[in-house]
């Protein structure tokens, strides 16, 4: 039999307790376990909501609540704009087995009118709402995570084989600030793997070419080019404003320089390296895992580690490793998932074998160990040359 609106509300009130905003405020101050459930539409939620409220629009309640709040004994305070939708939502929750649900009368409107604390999330433009819509659908990202990405600052060391895919996908994901340091120019031989550049830009500085590509992909991203060589004299000044460093360099002096600077500055270093058909990726995070020197206290002889120019490289390989670096940077920004801190991912394109090795910090490491001896940056060209000569 069809029911009137009044009959539906009367039925809901029989099973769902109601509480004024004043009572709700006092309850929340006492009960830290209670989930605050906002059942308004997303555009309403964006304009303002109770602090720590979980957004679950009424139209998706039955579909998503069990994954959002799996424990049906969890105490819930539901609210909407005025108290109607939350009461009906409470009845639906009761029917699904949630036995501790309260609806806040007057809703968000009464809460805000009373002068109680409310918060407003980052306001996305209509274009951003469309651009990042697939991120918004992921519970691990959502609008909160996308706001973190847009606020993040990542420095790319190199705009070559590894830096190209890393920067491209970080820009696509909406990482708000991308610094790119490289003192090289685009060469025709780069185009087999360095996807930030194209045939028309041969001879152009790589940082300039990278900026053109990334900003045409996503105008939300601010690209800061550094057309210079990374050295002991400039690295600390450059990295100080960035949250994460992505190391895509192709030589040992720069790898040791980036490692030591990141340890001294306490910055996470997303590291990648490639050789012919094989690649590696890891995350060196000061205080949370080993650093590059823990793995490689000394650089190998030059003949044992030829460059891509000398040994060659499969064009798709840096794409694979560079994308892994981008993924690790995104996970660090979001604070989600398991990162490669303390792990080394090894990938072979010829056999399609993927191995993950556990890494340990070296207590005797000269920069991150128990008694560090390196307290400032050194001359890394000399360090690598001396070690290589000694090993030879």
Protein backbone atom coordinates (compact mmCIF):
# COMPACT_ATOMS: atom_id res chain seq x y z
CA UNK A 1 0.00 0.00 0.00
CA UNK A 2 1.30 3.47 -0.93
CA UNK A 3 2.39 5.65 1.97
CA UNK A 4 2.32 9.40 2.39
CA UNK A 5 5.38 11.48 3.25
CA UNK A 6 4.03 11.95 6.79
CA UNK A 7 3.58 8.21 7.24
CA UNK A 8 7.14 7.55 6.08
CA UNK A 9 8.52 10.14 8.51
CA UNK A 10 6.42 8.82 11.38
CA UNK A 11 7.70 5.30 10.75
CA UNK A 12 11.29 6.52 10.64
CA UNK A 13 10.92 8.39 13.94
CA UNK A 14 9.69 5.21 15.62
CA UNK A 15 12.99 3.44 14.98
CA UNK A 16 15.57 6.23 14.65
CA UNK A 17 16.33 8.48 17.66
CA UNK A 18 16.68 12.20 16.91
CA UNK A 19 19.00 14.67 18.56
CA UNK A 20 19.32 18.47 18.45
CA UNK A 21 22.52 20.10 17.21
CA UNK A 22 23.38 21.14 20.75
CA UNK A 23 23.01 17.56 21.99
CA UNK A 24 24.92 16.26 18.97
CA UNK A 25 27.82 18.61 19.65
CA UNK A 26 28.05 17.44 23.27
CA UNK A 27 27.82 13.79 22.19
CA UNK A 28 30.62 14.15 19.65
CA UNK A 29 32.85 15.81 22.23
CA UNK A 30 32.39 12.78 24.50
CA UNK A 31 32.28 9.94 21.94
CA UNK A 32 35.36 9.84 19.70
CA UNK A 33 34.28 6.54 18.14
CA UNK A 34 31.09 7.85 16.58
CA UNK A 35 31.07 8.15 12.79
CA UNK A 36 29.58 11.40 11.52
CA UNK A 37 27.74 10.55 8.31
CA UNK A 38 26.83 13.33 5.86
CA UNK A 39 24.08 12.06 3.52
CA UNK A 40 23.76 15.24 1.44
CA UNK A 41 24.81 15.47 -2.20
CA UNK A 42 28.51 15.99 -2.98
CA UNK A 43 28.06 19.60 -4.09
CA UNK A 44 26.41 20.38 -0.74
CA UNK A 45 29.23 18.65 1.12
CA UNK A 46 31.86 20.65 -0.79
CA UNK A 47 30.32 23.92 0.36
CA UNK A 48 30.84 23.00 4.01
CA UNK A 49 30.43 20.12 6.46
CA UNK A 50 31.07 18.98 10.02
CA UNK A 51 34.71 18.28 10.77
CA UNK A 52 35.73 14.67 10.04
CA UNK A 53 32.33 13.90 8.48
CA UNK A 54 32.16 11.01 6.01
CA UNK A 55 30.37 11.91 2.78
CA UNK A 56 27.90 9.27 1.59
CA UNK A 57 25.03 10.78 -0.45
CA UNK A 58 21.60 9.34 0.30
CA UNK A 59 21.27 7.92 -3.24
CA UNK A 60 24.35 5.73 -2.72
CA UNK A 61 23.78 4.85 0.93
CA UNK A 62 22.63 1.25 0.62
CA UNK A 63 25.19 0.55 -2.13
CA UNK A 64 28.29 1.89 -0.37
CA UNK A 65 27.68 1.99 3.37
CA UNK A 66 28.85 -1.58 4.06
CA UNK A 67 32.24 -0.87 2.49
CA UNK A 68 32.43 2.56 4.14
CA UNK A 69 31.34 1.39 7.61
CA UNK A 70 31.80 -2.42 7.67
CA UNK A 71 31.17 -2.83 11.42
CA UNK A 72 27.42 -2.57 11.91
CA UNK A 73 27.79 -1.94 15.63
CA UNK A 74 29.59 1.35 14.92
CA UNK A 75 27.77 4.31 16.50
CA UNK A 76 26.63 6.70 13.75
CA UNK A 77 25.38 10.29 13.79
CA UNK A 78 23.69 11.02 10.46
CA UNK A 79 22.87 14.50 9.22
CA UNK A 80 21.68 16.25 6.07
CA UNK A 81 20.68 19.85 5.33
CA UNK A 82 17.59 19.96 7.55
CA UNK A 83 17.05 16.55 9.14
CA UNK A 84 14.71 14.82 6.67
CA UNK A 85 17.12 12.81 4.51
CA UNK A 86 19.18 11.79 7.53
CA UNK A 87 16.09 10.44 9.30
CA UNK A 88 15.11 8.35 6.27
CA UNK A 89 18.76 7.29 5.88
CA UNK A 90 18.76 6.22 9.53
CA UNK A 91 15.72 4.01 8.92
CA UNK A 92 17.44 2.39 5.93
CA UNK A 93 20.55 1.80 8.03
CA UNK A 94 18.47 0.21 10.78
CA UNK A 95 16.91 -2.14 8.24
CA UNK A 96 20.42 -3.11 7.11
CA UNK A 97 21.43 -4.04 10.65
CA UNK A 98 23.12 -0.86 11.89
CA UNK A 99 21.77 -0.75 15.42
CA UNK A 100 23.25 2.49 16.78
CA UNK A 101 22.11 5.31 14.50
CA UNK A 102 21.01 8.81 15.50
CA UNK A 103 19.67 11.54 13.19
CA UNK A 104 20.52 15.19 13.87
CA UNK A 105 17.45 17.41 13.68
CA UNK A 106 17.89 20.70 11.86
CA UNK A 107 20.88 19.24 10.05
CA UNK A 108 23.85 21.18 8.80
CA UNK A 109 21.81 24.37 8.50
CA UNK A 110 20.99 24.38 12.23
CA UNK A 111 24.59 23.41 13.11
CA UNK A 112 26.03 26.30 11.13
CA UNK A 113 23.40 28.74 12.41
CA UNK A 114 24.34 27.79 15.98
CA UNK A 115 27.89 28.93 15.26
CA UNK A 116 29.49 25.53 15.71
CA UNK A 117 32.71 24.59 13.91
CA UNK A 118 32.44 23.51 10.30
CA UNK A 119 35.01 23.07 7.56
CA UNK A 120 35.15 23.53 3.83
CA UNK A 121 37.20 21.33 1.53
CA UNK A 122 39.16 22.49 -1.48
CA UNK A 123 36.88 23.99 -4.08
CA UNK A 124 37.35 22.39 -7.48
CA UNK A 125 36.52 24.17 -10.70
CA UNK A 126 33.93 22.56 -13.01
CA UNK A 127 36.79 21.53 -15.33
CA UNK A 128 38.72 19.94 -12.45
CA UNK A 129 35.62 18.05 -11.36
CA UNK A 130 35.55 16.42 -14.79
CA UNK A 131 39.33 16.02 -15.20
CA UNK A 132 39.80 14.22 -11.88
CA UNK A 133 36.43 12.45 -11.80
CA UNK A 134 38.00 8.98 -11.90
CA UNK A 135 40.17 9.87 -8.91
CA UNK A 136 37.13 11.15 -7.04
CA UNK A 137 35.52 7.72 -7.38
CA UNK A 138 38.40 5.99 -5.60
CA UNK A 139 37.93 5.88 -1.81
CA UNK A 140 41.72 5.93 -1.38
CA UNK A 141 41.96 9.19 -3.35
CA UNK A 142 38.64 11.04 -3.49
CA UNK A 143 38.43 14.80 -3.33
CA UNK A 144 40.61 14.96 -0.22
CA UNK A 145 43.39 13.02 -1.93
CA UNK A 146 43.11 15.06 -5.11
CA UNK A 147 43.48 18.22 -3.05
CA UNK A 148 46.70 16.75 -1.61
CA UNK A 149 47.98 16.04 -5.12
CA UNK A 150 47.23 19.58 -6.27
CA UNK A 151 49.03 20.99 -3.23
CA UNK A 152 52.06 18.70 -3.63
CA UNK A 153 55.49 19.79 -4.89
CA UNK A 154 57.71 17.24 -6.60
CA UNK A 155 61.18 17.79 -8.05
CA UNK A 156 62.22 15.73 -11.06
CA UNK A 157 65.96 15.19 -11.35
CA UNK A 158 66.33 14.78 -15.09
CA UNK A 159 63.94 15.19 -18.01
CA UNK A 160 65.22 12.14 -19.88
CA UNK A 161 64.20 8.50 -20.07
CA UNK A 162 62.98 8.12 -16.47
CA UNK A 163 61.97 11.72 -15.86
CA UNK A 164 59.76 11.82 -18.95
CA UNK A 165 57.16 9.17 -17.97
CA UNK A 166 57.36 10.11 -14.29
CA UNK A 167 56.67 13.78 -14.95
CA UNK A 168 54.01 13.00 -17.55
CA UNK A 169 51.92 10.85 -15.23
CA UNK A 170 52.44 13.10 -12.22
CA UNK A 171 51.16 16.01 -14.29
CA UNK A 172 48.21 13.97 -15.53
CA UNK A 173 47.39 13.03 -11.92
CA UNK A 174 47.29 16.71 -10.99
CA UNK A 175 50.45 17.12 -8.92
CA UNK A 176 50.30 20.88 -8.56
CA UNK A 177 53.98 21.84 -8.76
CA UNK A 178 56.62 20.00 -10.75
CA UNK A 179 60.20 21.21 -10.68
CA UNK A 180 62.44 19.83 -13.43
CA UNK A 181 66.21 20.17 -13.42
CA UNK A 182 68.29 19.22 -16.48
CA UNK A 183 71.09 21.02 -18.29
CA UNK A 184 70.85 19.05 -21.53
CA UNK A 185 69.12 19.75 -24.86
CA UNK A 186 66.86 17.47 -26.88
CA UNK A 187 68.76 15.17 -29.24
CA UNK A 188 67.29 13.01 -31.98
CA UNK A 189 68.62 9.90 -30.22
CA UNK A 190 66.51 10.78 -27.15
CA UNK A 191 63.18 10.37 -28.93
CA UNK A 192 63.24 6.56 -28.84
CA UNK A 193 62.37 6.74 -25.11
CA UNK A 194 62.07 10.34 -23.81
CA UNK A 195 58.36 10.94 -24.39
CA UNK A 196 58.28 14.55 -23.14
CA UNK A 197 60.06 15.66 -26.32
CA UNK A 198 59.39 15.47 -30.06
CA UNK A 199 61.09 15.86 -33.39
CA UNK A 200 60.34 19.57 -33.67
CA UNK A 201 62.21 20.30 -30.44
CA UNK A 202 65.58 18.86 -31.28
CA UNK A 203 68.15 21.34 -29.95
CA UNK A 204 65.70 22.86 -27.44
CA UNK A 205 66.58 22.73 -23.72
CA UNK A 206 64.91 19.67 -22.22
CA UNK A 207 63.41 21.67 -19.38
CA UNK A 208 61.72 24.02 -21.85
CA UNK A 209 60.42 21.12 -23.94
CA UNK A 210 59.17 19.35 -20.80
CA UNK A 211 57.30 22.45 -19.65
CA UNK A 212 55.54 22.80 -23.01
CA UNK A 213 54.42 19.16 -22.96
CA UNK A 214 53.27 19.06 -19.34
CA UNK A 215 51.35 22.32 -19.36
CA UNK A 216 49.59 21.36 -22.58
CA UNK A 217 48.59 18.10 -20.87
CA UNK A 218 47.35 19.74 -17.67
CA UNK A 219 47.17 23.52 -17.19
CA UNK A 220 46.60 22.99 -13.46
CA UNK A 221 50.26 22.06 -13.09
CA UNK A 222 52.89 24.69 -12.41
CA UNK A 223 56.15 23.60 -14.02
CA UNK A 224 59.36 25.18 -12.70
CA UNK A 225 62.34 24.56 -15.02
CA UNK A 226 65.94 24.60 -13.82
CA UNK A 227 68.18 24.71 -16.88
CA UNK A 228 71.36 23.99 -14.97
CA UNK A 229 73.52 21.18 -13.65
CA UNK A 230 72.69 19.90 -10.19
CA UNK A 231 75.70 20.47 -7.93
CA UNK A 232 76.74 20.52 -4.29
CA UNK A 233 76.41 24.29 -4.42
CA UNK A 234 72.79 24.53 -5.63
CA UNK A 235 70.99 21.33 -4.63
CA UNK A 236 70.02 22.24 -1.06
CA UNK A 237 68.55 25.54 -2.18
CA UNK A 238 66.62 23.85 -4.99
CA UNK A 239 65.16 20.94 -3.03
CA UNK A 240 64.16 22.89 0.09
CA UNK A 241 60.71 23.82 -1.26
CA UNK A 242 59.80 20.35 -2.54
CA UNK A 243 58.04 17.50 -0.73
CA UNK A 244 59.45 14.62 -2.77
CA UNK A 245 62.47 14.17 -5.02
CA UNK A 246 62.21 11.81 -8.02
CA UNK A 247 65.69 10.75 -9.10
CA UNK A 248 65.85 9.94 -12.80
CA UNK A 249 69.51 10.76 -13.36
CA UNK A 250 71.89 8.57 -15.33
CA UNK A 251 75.25 8.97 -13.57
CA UNK A 252 76.75 8.05 -10.22
CA UNK A 253 77.96 11.47 -9.03
CA UNK A 254 74.40 12.82 -9.27
CA UNK A 255 72.91 9.74 -7.59
CA UNK A 256 75.19 10.10 -4.59
CA UNK A 257 74.61 13.85 -4.53
CA UNK A 258 70.81 13.45 -4.58
CA UNK A 259 70.98 10.73 -1.91
CA UNK A 260 73.13 12.73 0.47
CA UNK A 261 71.13 15.93 -0.01
CA UNK A 262 67.85 14.08 0.62
CA UNK A 263 69.22 12.47 3.79
CA UNK A 264 70.46 15.83 5.10
CA UNK A 265 67.19 17.57 4.17
CA UNK A 266 65.01 14.63 5.35
CA UNK A 267 63.31 14.37 1.96
CA UNK A 268 61.99 11.12 0.40
CA UNK A 269 63.96 10.11 -2.69
CA UNK A 270 62.07 8.04 -5.28
CA UNK A 271 64.88 6.30 -7.11
CA UNK A 272 64.97 4.52 -10.45
CA UNK A 273 67.73 3.08 -12.61
CA UNK A 274 67.88 1.25 -15.93
CA UNK A 275 70.38 -0.83 -17.90
CA UNK A 276 69.69 -2.27 -21.34
CA UNK A 277 66.70 -4.56 -20.60
CA UNK A 278 66.56 -4.34 -16.80
CA UNK A 279 65.34 -1.74 -14.36
CA UNK A 280 65.13 -1.12 -10.64
CA UNK A 281 63.04 1.13 -8.43
CA UNK A 282 62.94 1.90 -4.72
CA UNK A 283 62.20 4.69 -2.26
CA UNK A 284 64.92 6.01 0.03
CA UNK A 285 63.12 7.70 2.92
CA UNK A 286 65.35 9.14 5.68
CA UNK A 287 64.42 7.73 9.07
CA UNK A 288 62.19 5.03 7.59
CA UNK A 289 64.55 2.86 5.59
CA UNK A 290 68.00 2.55 4.03
CA UNK A 291 69.59 5.13 1.74
CA UNK A 292 71.50 4.69 -1.52
CA UNK A 293 74.83 4.50 0.33
CA UNK A 294 73.51 1.62 2.45
CA UNK A 295 73.18 -0.37 -0.79
CA UNK A 296 76.19 0.99 -2.62
CA UNK A 297 78.82 2.38 -0.25
CA UNK A 298 81.12 2.97 -3.22
CA UNK A 299 80.46 3.50 -6.94
CA UNK A 300 81.49 0.70 -9.29
CA UNK A 301 84.30 1.07 -11.82
CA UNK A 302 83.23 2.93 -14.95
CA UNK A 303 83.58 -0.14 -17.15
CA UNK A 304 81.12 -2.03 -14.90
CA UNK A 305 78.39 0.60 -15.28
CA UNK A 306 78.27 1.99 -18.82
CA UNK A 307 75.71 4.66 -19.64
CA UNK A 308 72.74 4.21 -21.99
CA UNK A 309 74.78 6.03 -24.62
CA UNK A 310 77.49 3.38 -24.29
CA UNK A 311 75.45 0.22 -23.65
CA UNK A 312 72.05 1.00 -25.18
CA UNK A 313 68.60 0.71 -23.62
CA UNK A 314 65.26 -0.74 -24.71
CA UNK A 315 63.01 2.26 -25.32
CA UNK A 316 60.02 1.07 -23.29
CA UNK A 317 62.10 0.13 -20.22
CA UNK A 318 62.43 3.67 -18.79
CA UNK A 319 58.71 4.06 -19.38
CA UNK A 320 57.99 1.11 -17.12
CA UNK A 321 60.38 2.18 -14.35
CA UNK A 322 59.47 5.85 -14.64
CA UNK A 323 55.77 5.09 -14.22
CA UNK A 324 56.60 3.05 -11.10
CA UNK A 325 58.44 6.10 -9.76
CA UNK A 326 55.39 8.26 -10.45
CA UNK A 327 53.20 5.71 -8.67
CA UNK A 328 55.45 5.69 -5.62
CA UNK A 329 55.44 9.49 -5.46
CA UNK A 330 51.64 9.54 -5.65
CA UNK A 331 51.34 6.97 -2.84
CA UNK A 332 53.67 9.07 -0.69
CA UNK A 333 51.56 12.17 -1.33
CA UNK A 334 48.31 10.39 -0.54
CA UNK A 335 49.71 8.41 2.39
CA UNK A 336 48.08 5.28 0.98
CA UNK A 337 49.27 1.78 0.16
CA UNK A 338 52.63 0.12 0.73
CA UNK A 339 55.56 1.98 -0.76
CA UNK A 340 58.94 0.66 -1.85
CA UNK A 341 60.66 1.98 1.28
CA UNK A 342 63.05 -0.78 2.31
CA UNK A 343 62.36 -2.75 -0.88
CA UNK A 344 64.04 -2.95 -4.26
CA UNK A 345 61.84 -3.81 -7.23
CA UNK A 346 63.81 -5.50 -10.03
CA UNK A 347 62.23 -5.84 -13.47
CA UNK A 348 63.49 -7.76 -16.51
CA UNK A 349 61.80 -6.99 -19.82
CA UNK A 350 63.30 -10.03 -21.56
CA UNK A 351 61.95 -12.62 -19.12
CA UNK A 352 59.12 -10.54 -17.58
CA UNK A 353 60.42 -11.50 -14.15
CA UNK A 354 59.63 -9.12 -11.33
CA UNK A 355 61.50 -9.63 -8.09
CA UNK A 356 61.26 -7.67 -4.87
CA UNK A 357 64.22 -7.66 -2.52
CA UNK A 358 64.11 -6.55 1.10
CA UNK A 359 66.68 -3.90 1.96
CA UNK A 360 68.20 -3.12 5.35
CA UNK A 361 69.77 0.04 6.68
CA UNK A 362 73.50 -0.15 7.28
CA UNK A 363 74.34 0.92 10.86
CA UNK A 364 77.80 1.88 9.57
CA UNK A 365 76.47 3.99 6.69
CA UNK A 366 78.54 7.21 6.60
CA UNK A 367 75.50 9.45 6.16
CA UNK A 368 72.44 7.74 7.66
CA UNK A 369 74.10 5.28 10.05
CA UNK A 370 74.43 5.36 13.80
CA UNK A 371 77.59 7.47 13.70
CA UNK A 372 77.48 9.46 10.45
CA UNK A 373 80.73 10.97 9.21
CA UNK A 374 79.25 12.89 6.28
CA UNK A 375 77.61 16.04 7.57
CA UNK A 376 77.84 18.20 4.48
CA UNK A 377 77.92 17.67 0.73
CA UNK A 378 81.21 16.80 -0.94
CA UNK A 379 82.73 16.89 -4.43
CA UNK A 380 80.91 13.93 -5.98
CA UNK A 381 82.74 13.94 -9.29
CA UNK A 382 85.98 13.49 -7.36
CA UNK A 383 84.44 10.90 -5.02
CA UNK A 384 83.24 8.70 -7.89
CA UNK A 385 86.46 9.10 -9.86
CA UNK A 386 88.63 8.21 -6.88
CA UNK A 387 86.54 5.18 -5.95
CA UNK A 388 86.43 3.96 -9.55
CA UNK A 389 90.19 4.38 -9.91
CA UNK A 390 90.77 2.60 -6.59
CA UNK A 391 88.55 -0.32 -7.64
CA UNK A 392 90.37 -0.60 -10.96
